[in-house]
Amino acid sequence: MTHDSSAPAGPWSKIDTSVPHSARIWNYWLGGKDNYPVDHQVGDAFREFFPGIEELARGSRAFLGRAVRHLAGEEGVRQFLDIGTGLPTVDNTHQIAQRVAPEACIVYVDNDPLVLAHARALLTSTPQGVTDYIDADLHDPEAILRQAATTLDLTQPVALTLMQVSGHIADYDEARSIVTRLMEALPSGSFLAFNDSVDTHKANAEATRRYNESGAAPYFLRSPEQLAGFFEGLELLEPGVVPLAEWRPDPGAAAIPSEVIALGGVGRKP
């Protein structure tokens, strides 16, 4: 079944097509169609300075797929809290998890009206499981947990996924605090699956600097040490916090890029 949360009516009326938006730009880089000329302009300018951005977008998506398959399969997780959903594409979290376990329950979290409209139309569940979408801001983890608890049983393990999202929080200590508060509310045996971009990749750093001047919501890159810090207190699964393509690659996967653009990992709460 699909559970619909209450939210303000008429999300389409709140979409501003004159201002670039990160979810739409990301959708553009992934080859989607839910974007506007202003998003193309900013996306193309970013790609001019960092041609690897589409590779990064695809790599992040592939990492999500491998992490969710592992969590639903080998770890037996049946509940997922996906924050920073973005616009639906192929192989969304619920589709991956429910292929392994049709009874899996997934709650998506975002606070963009375009994402809301598409999520309600496209993020449908298996009959045995549940998908839900809640309109909430990462800066308010208590609201996220309160709303997620209407669908998820927070006394049972939950996999929290944060993919290329934490950079929307300017202050690193605040970002760490938010992730800590979310994980503290989840029981032992829960997991954090996380990835984000590093500030050591010069082309990405320059493109991001210019992107932050475009009028879109700014994004802040972190050092490798800072990204590893999000897993403090958790038991890291092998191979640790590594370049995305190195985290449990599928058999026959393409060669691992020599340049490190983003790091990811999966950690278990003791």
C-alpha atoms as a PDB file:
ATOM      1  CA  MET A   1       0.000   0.000   0.000  1.00  0.00           C
ATOM      2  CA  THR A   2       0.976   3.658  -0.239  1.00  0.00           C
ATOM      3  CA  HIS A   3       0.381   5.947   2.700  1.00  0.00           C
ATOM      4  CA  ASP A   4      -0.239   9.632   1.927  1.00  0.00           C
ATOM      5  CA  SER A   5       0.781  12.171   4.552  1.00  0.00           C
ATOM      6  CA  SER A   6      -1.103  15.410   4.936  1.00  0.00           C
ATOM      7  CA  ALA A   7       0.602  18.390   3.304  1.00  0.00           C
ATOM      8  CA  PRO A   8      -0.423  21.772   1.932  1.00  0.00           C
ATOM      9  CA  ALA A   9      -2.543  21.520  -1.197  1.00  0.00           C
ATOM     10  CA  GLY A  10      -1.397  22.617  -4.601  1.00  0.00           C
ATOM     11  CA  PRO A  11       2.387  21.955  -4.494  1.00  0.00           C
ATOM     12  CA  TRP A  12       2.737  22.896  -8.168  1.00  0.00           C
ATOM     13  CA  SER A  13       1.710  26.465  -7.377  1.00  0.00           C
ATOM     14  CA  LYS A  14       4.796  26.851  -5.165  1.00  0.00           C
ATOM     15  CA  ILE A  15       7.340  25.846  -7.829  1.00  0.00           C
ATOM     16  CA  ASP A  16       9.516  28.780  -8.883  1.00  0.00           C
ATOM     17  CA  THR A  17      10.897  28.048 -12.355  1.00  0.00           C
ATOM     18  CA  SER A  18      12.893  31.282 -12.421  1.00  0.00           C
ATOM     19  CA  VAL A  19      15.352  30.137  -9.727  1.00  0.00           C
ATOM     20  CA  PRO A  20      17.659  27.109 -10.143  1.00  0.00           C
ATOM     21  CA  HIS A  21      16.984  24.273  -7.747  1.00  0.00           C
ATOM     22  CA  SER A  22      19.413  21.552  -6.679  1.00  0.00           C
ATOM     23  CA  ALA A  23      16.958  18.641  -7.031  1.00  0.00           C
ATOM     24  CA  ARG A  24      16.067  19.687 -10.572  1.00  0.00           C
ATOM     25  CA  ILE A  25      19.718  20.266 -11.520  1.00  0.00           C
ATOM     26  CA  TRP A  26      20.631  16.839 -10.156  1.00  0.00           C
ATOM     27  CA  ASN A  27      17.736  15.378 -12.164  1.00  0.00           C
ATOM     28  CA  TYR A  28      19.115  17.125 -15.262  1.00  0.00           C
ATOM     29  CA  TRP A  29      22.575  15.617 -14.717  1.00  0.00           C
ATOM     30  CA  LEU A  30      20.989  12.164 -14.380  1.00  0.00           C
ATOM     31  CA  GLY A  31      19.236  12.612 -17.717  1.00  0.00           C
ATOM     32  CA  GLY A  32      15.771  13.238 -16.266  1.00  0.00           C
ATOM     33  CA  LYS A  33      13.107  15.522 -17.681  1.00  0.00           C
ATOM     34  CA  ASP A  34      11.835  17.217 -14.517  1.00  0.00           C
ATOM     35  CA  ASN A  35      13.833  20.422 -14.871  1.00  0.00           C
ATOM     36  CA  TYR A  36      13.663  23.856 -16.452  1.00  0.00           C
ATOM     37  CA  PRO A  37      15.878  26.104 -18.610  1.00  0.00           C
ATOM     38  CA  VAL A  38      17.269  27.878 -15.559  1.00  0.00           C
ATOM     39  CA  ASP A  39      18.385  24.486 -14.201  1.00  0.00           C
ATOM     40  CA  HIS A  40      19.991  23.607 -17.545  1.00  0.00           C
ATOM     41  CA  GLN A  41      21.903  26.890 -17.505  1.00  0.00           C
ATOM     42  CA  VAL A  42      23.367  26.312 -14.055  1.00  0.00           C
ATOM     43  CA  GLY A  43      23.912  22.598 -14.674  1.00  0.00           C
ATOM     44  CA  ASP A  44      25.760  23.274 -17.920  1.00  0.00           C
ATOM     45  CA  ALA A  45      27.931  25.943 -16.302  1.00  0.00           C
ATOM     46  CA  PHE A  46      28.827  23.511 -13.508  1.00  0.00           C
ATOM     47  CA  ARG A  47      29.668  20.793 -16.033  1.00  0.00           C
ATOM     48  CA  GLU A  48      31.920  23.194 -17.939  1.00  0.00           C
ATOM     49  CA  PHE A  49      34.231  23.437 -14.926  1.00  0.00           C
ATOM     50  CA  PHE A  50      33.677  19.880 -13.711  1.00  0.00           C
ATOM     51  CA  PRO A  51      32.848  17.502 -16.582  1.00  0.00           C
ATOM     52  CA  GLY A  52      32.745  14.609 -14.102  1.00  0.00           C
ATOM     53  CA  ILE A  53      29.573  15.814 -12.381  1.00  0.00           C
ATOM     54  CA  GLU A  54      27.362  13.370 -14.288  1.00  0.00           C
ATOM     55  CA  GLU A  55      29.699  10.545 -13.316  1.00  0.00           C
ATOM     56  CA  LEU A  56      29.370  11.678  -9.700  1.00  0.00           C
ATOM     57  CA  ALA A  57      25.562  11.744  -9.927  1.00  0.00           C
ATOM     58  CA  ARG A  58      25.452   8.248 -11.411  1.00  0.00           C
ATOM     59  CA  GLY A  59      28.047   6.989  -8.937  1.00  0.00           C
ATOM     60  CA  SER A  60      26.040   8.272  -5.983  1.00  0.00           C
ATOM     61  CA  ARG A  61      22.931   6.569  -7.343  1.00  0.00           C
ATOM     62  CA  ALA A  62      24.785   3.299  -7.838  1.00  0.00           C
ATOM     63  CA  PHE A  63      26.232   3.482  -4.309  1.00  0.00           C
ATOM     64  CA  LEU A  64      22.712   3.936  -2.919  1.00  0.00           C
ATOM     65  CA  GLY A  65      21.578   0.853  -4.814  1.00  0.00           C
ATOM     66  CA  ARG A  66      24.394  -1.342  -3.527  1.00  0.00           C
ATOM     67  CA  ALA A  67      23.986  -0.107   0.045  1.00  0.00           C
ATOM     68  CA  VAL A  68      20.216  -0.644   0.110  1.00  0.00           C
ATOM     69  CA  ARG A  69      20.514  -4.109  -1.457  1.00  0.00           C
ATOM     70  CA  HIS A  70      23.067  -5.078   1.167  1.00  0.00           C
ATOM     71  CA  LEU A  71      21.017  -3.681   4.034  1.00  0.00           C
ATOM     72  CA  ALA A  72      17.764  -5.305   2.926  1.00  0.00           C
ATOM     73  CA  GLY A  73      19.511  -8.574   2.025  1.00  0.00           C
ATOM     74  CA  GLU A  74      22.480  -9.474   4.208  1.00  0.00           C
ATOM     75  CA  GLU A  75      21.515  -7.245   7.149  1.00  0.00           C
ATOM     76  CA  GLY A  76      17.775  -7.957   7.078  1.00  0.00           C
ATOM     77  CA  VAL A  77      16.695  -4.311   7.401  1.00  0.00           C
ATOM     78  CA  ARG A  78      13.008  -3.774   6.673  1.00  0.00           C
ATOM     79  CA  GLN A  79      12.691  -0.032   7.371  1.00  0.00           C
ATOM     80  CA  PHE A  80      14.371   2.824   5.508  1.00  0.00           C
ATOM     81  CA  LEU A  81      14.366   6.572   6.170  1.00  0.00           C
ATOM     82  CA  ASP A  82      15.591   8.295   2.993  1.00  0.00           C
ATOM     83  CA  ILE A  83      16.305  11.992   3.633  1.00  0.00           C
ATOM     84  CA  GLY A  84      16.893  14.236   0.658  1.00  0.00           C
ATOM     85  CA  THR A  85      14.877  12.089  -1.712  1.00  0.00           C
ATOM     86  CA  GLY A  86      15.244  14.295  -4.754  1.00  0.00           C
ATOM     87  CA  LEU A  87      13.149  13.738  -7.842  1.00  0.00           C
ATOM     88  CA  PRO A  88      12.157  10.115  -8.482  1.00  0.00           C
ATOM     89  CA  THR A  89      14.167   8.331 -11.158  1.00  0.00           C
ATOM     90  CA  VAL A  90      14.725   4.616 -11.717  1.00  0.00           C
ATOM     91  CA  ASP A  91      15.689   2.295  -8.879  1.00  0.00           C
ATOM     92  CA  ASN A  92      14.497   4.461  -6.025  1.00  0.00           C
ATOM     93  CA  THR A  93      15.130   3.229  -2.480  1.00  0.00           C
ATOM     94  CA  HIS A  94      11.759   1.505  -2.086  1.00  0.00           C
ATOM     95  CA  GLN A  95      12.096  -0.304  -5.417  1.00  0.00           C
ATOM     96  CA  ILE A  96      15.523  -1.654  -4.503  1.00  0.00           C
ATOM     97  CA  ALA A  97      14.537  -2.654  -0.959  1.00  0.00           C
ATOM     98  CA  GLN A  98      11.196  -4.198  -1.937  1.00  0.00           C
ATOM     99  CA  ARG A  99      12.786  -6.339  -4.646  1.00  0.00           C
ATOM    100  CA  VAL A 100      14.689  -7.997  -1.818  1.00  0.00           C
ATOM    101  CA  ALA A 101      11.927  -7.783   0.802  1.00  0.00           C
ATOM    102  CA  PRO A 102       8.464  -6.893  -0.558  1.00  0.00           C
ATOM    103  CA  GLU A 103       7.290  -6.086   2.995  1.00  0.00           C
ATOM    104  CA  ALA A 104       9.872  -3.314   3.455  1.00  0.00           C
ATOM    105  CA  CYS A 105       8.650   0.098   4.643  1.00  0.00           C
ATOM    106  CA  ILE A 106      10.244   3.261   3.259  1.00  0.00           C
ATOM    107  CA  VAL A 107       9.741   6.888   4.271  1.00  0.00           C
ATOM    108  CA  TYR A 108      11.095   9.562   1.942  1.00  0.00           C
ATOM    109  CA  VAL A 109      11.862  13.055   3.236  1.00  0.00           C
ATOM    110  CA  ASP A 110      12.265  16.258   1.252  1.00  0.00           C
ATOM    111  CA  ASN A 111      10.940  19.802   1.415  1.00  0.00           C
ATOM    112  CA  ASP A 112      10.604  20.781  -2.230  1.00  0.00           C
ATOM    113  CA  PRO A 113       7.119  21.168  -3.787  1.00  0.00           C
ATOM    114  CA  LEU A 114       8.165  19.626  -7.109  1.00  0.00           C
ATOM    115  CA  VAL A 115       9.618  16.594  -5.329  1.00  0.00           C
ATOM    116  CA  LEU A 116       6.413  16.338  -3.277  1.00  0.00           C
ATOM    117  CA  ALA A 117       4.200  16.340  -6.350  1.00  0.00           C
ATOM    118  CA  HIS A 118       6.235  13.698  -8.148  1.00  0.00           C
ATOM    119  CA  ALA A 119       6.779  11.546  -5.070  1.00  0.00           C
ATOM    120  CA  ARG A 120       3.070  11.208  -4.429  1.00  0.00           C
ATOM    121  CA  ALA A 121       2.474  10.198  -8.034  1.00  0.00           C
ATOM    122  CA  LEU A 122       5.416   7.853  -8.555  1.00  0.00           C
ATOM    123  CA  LEU A 123       6.708   6.464  -5.263  1.00  0.00           C
ATOM    124  CA  THR A 124       4.220   3.613  -5.021  1.00  0.00           C
ATOM    125  CA  SER A 125       4.735   0.487  -2.946  1.00  0.00           C
ATOM    126  CA  THR A 126       4.326  -3.244  -3.213  1.00  0.00           C
ATOM    127  CA  PRO A 127       1.039  -4.505  -1.698  1.00  0.00           C
ATOM    128  CA  GLN A 128       2.993  -6.069   1.166  1.00  0.00           C
ATOM    129  CA  GLY A 129       5.040  -2.991   2.034  1.00  0.00           C
ATOM    130  CA  VAL A 130       4.577   0.729   2.575  1.00  0.00           C
ATOM    131  CA  THR A 131       6.022   3.881   1.073  1.00  0.00           C
ATOM    132  CA  ASP A 132       5.394   7.324   2.482  1.00  0.00           C
ATOM    133  CA  TYR A 133       6.621  10.825   1.696  1.00  0.00           C
ATOM    134  CA  ILE A 134       6.897  13.520   4.337  1.00  0.00           C
ATOM    135  CA  ASP A 135       7.488  17.192   3.710  1.00  0.00           C
ATOM    136  CA  ALA A 136      10.172  18.163   6.229  1.00  0.00           C
ATOM    137  CA  ASP A 137      13.491  19.978   6.470  1.00  0.00           C
ATOM    138  CA  LEU A 138      16.785  18.288   7.357  1.00  0.00           C
ATOM    139  CA  HIS A 139      17.448  21.198   9.720  1.00  0.00           C
ATOM    140  CA  ASP A 140      14.561  19.936  11.894  1.00  0.00           C
ATOM    141  CA  PRO A 141      15.384  16.299  12.718  1.00  0.00           C
ATOM    142  CA  GLU A 142      12.792  16.143  15.496  1.00  0.00           C
ATOM    143  CA  ALA A 143      10.015  16.943  13.011  1.00  0.00           C
ATOM    144  CA  ILE A 144      11.356  14.298  10.638  1.00  0.00           C
ATOM    145  CA  LEU A 145      11.367  11.665  13.372  1.00  0.00           C
ATOM    146  CA  ARG A 146       7.936  12.650  14.636  1.00  0.00           C
ATOM    147  CA  GLN A 147       6.370  12.321  11.190  1.00  0.00           C
ATOM    148  CA  ALA A 148       8.351   9.203  10.233  1.00  0.00           C
ATOM    149  CA  ALA A 149       7.073   7.463  13.367  1.00  0.00           C
ATOM    150  CA  THR A 150       3.564   7.393  11.885  1.00  0.00           C
ATOM    151  CA  THR A 151       4.845   4.878   9.311  1.00  0.00           C
ATOM    152  CA  LEU A 152       8.015   3.362  10.771  1.00  0.00           C
ATOM    153  CA  ASP A 153       8.383   1.479  14.054  1.00  0.00           C
ATOM    154  CA  LEU A 154      11.275   3.351  15.631  1.00  0.00           C
ATOM    155  CA  THR A 155      11.746   0.597  18.219  1.00  0.00           C
ATOM    156  CA  GLN A 156      12.983  -1.648  15.383  1.00  0.00           C
ATOM    157  CA  PRO A 157      16.109  -1.138  13.235  1.00  0.00           C
ATOM    158  CA  VAL A 158      15.960   1.563  10.579  1.00  0.00           C
ATOM    159  CA  ALA A 159      18.439   2.363   7.803  1.00  0.00           C
ATOM    160  CA  LEU A 160      18.947   6.116   7.511  1.00  0.00           C
ATOM    161  CA  THR A 161      20.179   7.161   4.050  1.00  0.00           C
ATOM    162  CA  LEU A 162      21.762  10.549   3.316  1.00  0.00           C
ATOM    163  CA  MET A 163      23.160  10.767  -0.209  1.00  0.00           C
ATOM    164  CA  GLN A 164      24.812  14.017  -1.327  1.00  0.00           C
ATOM    165  CA  VAL A 165      22.641  15.937   1.160  1.00  0.00           C
ATOM    166  CA  SER A 166      24.733  17.008   4.160  1.00  0.00           C
ATOM    167  CA  GLY A 167      26.436  19.769   2.165  1.00  0.00           C
ATOM    168  CA  HIS A 168      23.195  21.724   2.206  1.00  0.00           C
ATOM    169  CA  ILE A 169      23.996  22.450   5.869  1.00  0.00           C
ATOM    170  CA  ALA A 170      26.636  25.164   5.922  1.00  0.00           C
ATOM    171  CA  ASP A 171      28.075  24.518   9.369  1.00  0.00           C
ATOM    172  CA  TYR A 172      29.867  21.196   9.749  1.00  0.00           C
ATOM    173  CA  ASP A 173      29.234  20.906  13.480  1.00  0.00           C
ATOM    174  CA  GLU A 174      25.525  21.484  12.895  1.00  0.00           C
ATOM    175  CA  ALA A 175      25.473  18.858  10.155  1.00  0.00           C
ATOM    176  CA  ARG A 176      27.176  16.353  12.451  1.00  0.00           C
ATOM    177  CA  SER A 177      24.756  17.217  15.252  1.00  0.00           C
ATOM    178  CA  ILE A 178      21.726  16.639  13.030  1.00  0.00           C
ATOM    179  CA  VAL A 179      22.931  13.213  11.917  1.00  0.00           C
ATOM    180  CA  THR A 180      23.780  12.331  15.519  1.00  0.00           C
ATOM    181  CA  ARG A 181      20.304  13.339  16.717  1.00  0.00           C
ATOM    182  CA  LEU A 182      18.691  11.227  14.010  1.00  0.00           C
ATOM    183  CA  MET A 183      20.793   8.183  14.842  1.00  0.00           C
ATOM    184  CA  GLU A 184      20.291   8.605  18.580  1.00  0.00           C
ATOM    185  CA  ALA A 185      16.538   8.247  18.038  1.00  0.00           C
ATOM    186  CA  LEU A 186      16.985   4.921  16.246  1.00  0.00           C
ATOM    187  CA  PRO A 187      17.527   1.636  18.076  1.00  0.00           C
ATOM    188  CA  SER A 188      20.570  -0.598  18.211  1.00  0.00           C
ATOM    189  CA  GLY A 189      21.004  -2.442  14.933  1.00  0.00           C
ATOM    190  CA  SER A 190      20.074   0.601  12.852  1.00  0.00           C
ATOM    191  CA  PHE A 191      22.353   1.794  10.053  1.00  0.00           C
ATOM    192  CA  LEU A 192      23.617   5.001   8.483  1.00  0.00           C
ATOM    193  CA  ALA A 193      24.288   4.868   4.723  1.00  0.00           C
ATOM    194  CA  PHE A 194      25.953   8.122   3.719  1.00  0.00           C
ATOM    195  CA  ASN A 195      27.933   9.699   0.924  1.00  0.00           C
ATOM    196  CA  ASP A 196      29.044  13.194  -0.008  1.00  0.00           C
ATOM    197  CA  SER A 197      31.633  15.047  -2.058  1.00  0.00           C
ATOM    198  CA  VAL A 198      35.149  15.921  -0.908  1.00  0.00           C
ATOM    199  CA  ASP A 199      36.677  19.376  -1.048  1.00  0.00           C
ATOM    200  CA  THR A 200      40.000  17.997  -2.311  1.00  0.00           C
ATOM    201  CA  HIS A 201      38.827  17.578  -5.915  1.00  0.00           C
ATOM    202  CA  LYS A 202      39.856  20.902  -7.463  1.00  0.00           C
ATOM    203  CA  ALA A 203      37.483  20.928 -10.446  1.00  0.00           C
ATOM    204  CA  ASN A 204      34.474  20.049  -8.314  1.00  0.00           C
ATOM    205  CA  ALA A 205      35.462  22.625  -5.701  1.00  0.00           C
ATOM    206  CA  GLU A 206      35.728  25.394  -8.312  1.00  0.00           C
ATOM    207  CA  ALA A 207      32.463  24.391  -9.990  1.00  0.00           C
ATOM    208  CA  THR A 208      30.734  24.322  -6.597  1.00  0.00           C
ATOM    209  CA  ARG A 209      32.078  27.772  -5.745  1.00  0.00           C
ATOM    210  CA  ARG A 210      30.571  29.143  -8.944  1.00  0.00           C
ATOM    211  CA  TYR A 211      27.358  27.195  -8.388  1.00  0.00           C
ATOM    212  CA  ASN A 212      26.981  28.855  -4.998  1.00  0.00           C
ATOM    213  CA  GLU A 213      26.959  32.229  -6.766  1.00  0.00           C
ATOM    214  CA  SER A 214      24.154  31.185  -9.151  1.00  0.00           C
ATOM    215  CA  GLY A 215      21.203  31.834  -6.855  1.00  0.00           C
ATOM    216  CA  ALA A 216      20.631  28.151  -6.089  1.00  0.00           C
ATOM    217  CA  ALA A 217      20.756  27.003  -2.481  1.00  0.00           C
ATOM    218  CA  PRO A 218      24.500  26.781  -1.726  1.00  0.00           C
ATOM    219  CA  TYR A 219      26.327  23.516  -1.191  1.00  0.00           C
ATOM    220  CA  PHE A 220      29.400  23.025   0.999  1.00  0.00           C
ATOM    221  CA  LEU A 221      32.042  20.391   0.375  1.00  0.00           C
ATOM    222  CA  ARG A 222      33.855  18.659   3.252  1.00  0.00           C
ATOM    223  CA  SER A 223      37.290  17.198   3.825  1.00  0.00           C
ATOM    224  CA  PRO A 224      37.695  13.402   3.829  1.00  0.00           C
ATOM    225  CA  GLU A 225      38.260  13.555   7.585  1.00  0.00           C
ATOM    226  CA  GLN A 226      35.034  15.486   8.087  1.00  0.00           C
ATOM    227  CA  LEU A 227      33.028  13.002   6.039  1.00  0.00           C
ATOM    228  CA  ALA A 228      34.446  10.122   8.063  1.00  0.00           C
ATOM    229  CA  GLY A 229      33.367  11.997  11.183  1.00  0.00           C
ATOM    230  CA  PHE A 230      29.695  11.403  10.396  1.00  0.00           C
ATOM    231  CA  PHE A 231      30.256   7.746  11.317  1.00  0.00           C
ATOM    232  CA  GLU A 232      31.702   8.439  14.761  1.00  0.00           C
ATOM    233  CA  GLY A 233      30.247   5.997  17.283  1.00  0.00           C
ATOM    234  CA  LEU A 234      29.092   3.571  14.595  1.00  0.00           C
ATOM    235  CA  GLU A 235      30.582   0.231  13.549  1.00  0.00           C
ATOM    236  CA  LEU A 236      31.760   0.718   9.967  1.00  0.00           C
ATOM    237  CA  LEU A 237      31.048  -2.085   7.552  1.00  0.00           C
ATOM    238  CA  GLU A 238      33.903  -3.126   5.306  1.00  0.00           C
ATOM    239  CA  PRO A 239      35.558  -1.540   3.374  1.00  0.00           C
ATOM    240  CA  GLY A 240      34.949   1.602   5.473  1.00  0.00           C
ATOM    241  CA  VAL A 241      34.575   5.168   4.204  1.00  0.00           C
ATOM    242  CA  VAL A 242      35.926   4.914   0.675  1.00  0.00           C
ATOM    243  CA  PRO A 243      35.505   6.356  -2.831  1.00  0.00           C
ATOM    244  CA  LEU A 244      31.992   5.444  -3.953  1.00  0.00           C
ATOM    245  CA  ALA A 245      33.020   2.980  -6.653  1.00  0.00           C
ATOM    246  CA  GLU A 246      35.134   1.068  -4.114  1.00  0.00           C
ATOM    247  CA  TRP A 247      32.255   0.313  -1.745  1.00  0.00           C
ATOM    248  CA  ARG A 248      31.381  -3.324  -2.518  1.00  0.00           C
ATOM    249  CA  PRO A 249      31.409  -2.944  -6.314  1.00  0.00           C
ATOM    250  CA  ASP A 250      29.204  -5.228  -8.363  1.00  0.00           C
ATOM    251  CA  PRO A 251      30.938  -8.050 -10.261  1.00  0.00           C
ATOM    252  CA  GLY A 252      32.107  -6.794 -13.620  1.00  0.00           C
ATOM    253  CA  ALA A 253      31.825  -3.141 -12.597  1.00  0.00           C
ATOM    254  CA  ALA A 254      33.725  -0.529 -14.573  1.00  0.00           C
ATOM    255  CA  ALA A 255      37.260   0.353 -13.553  1.00  0.00           C
ATOM    256  CA  ILE A 256      37.492   2.490 -10.441  1.00  0.00           C
ATOM    257  CA  PRO A 257      38.286   6.160 -11.296  1.00  0.00           C
ATOM    258  CA  SER A 258      41.700   7.351 -10.206  1.00  0.00           C
ATOM    259  CA  GLU A 259      40.380  10.667  -8.872  1.00  0.00           C
ATOM    260  CA  VAL A 260      38.444  10.728  -5.599  1.00  0.00           C
ATOM    261  CA  ILE A 261      35.328  12.866  -6.006  1.00  0.00           C
ATOM    262  CA  ALA A 262      33.128  11.571  -3.183  1.00  0.00           C
ATOM    263  CA  LEU A 263      33.321   9.194  -0.250  1.00  0.00           C
ATOM    264  CA  GLY A 264      30.695   6.899   1.191  1.00  0.00           C
ATOM    265  CA  GLY A 265      30.163   4.198   3.736  1.00  0.00           C
ATOM    266  CA  VAL A 266      27.693   2.278   5.853  1.00  0.00           C
ATOM    267  CA  GLY A 267      27.817   2.127   9.640  1.00  0.00           C
ATOM    268  CA  ARG A 268      25.855   0.082  12.191  1.00  0.00           C
ATOM    269  CA  LYS A 269      24.647   1.468  15.489  1.00  0.00           C
ATOM    270  CA  PRO A 270      25.914  -0.816  18.300  1.00  0.00           C
END
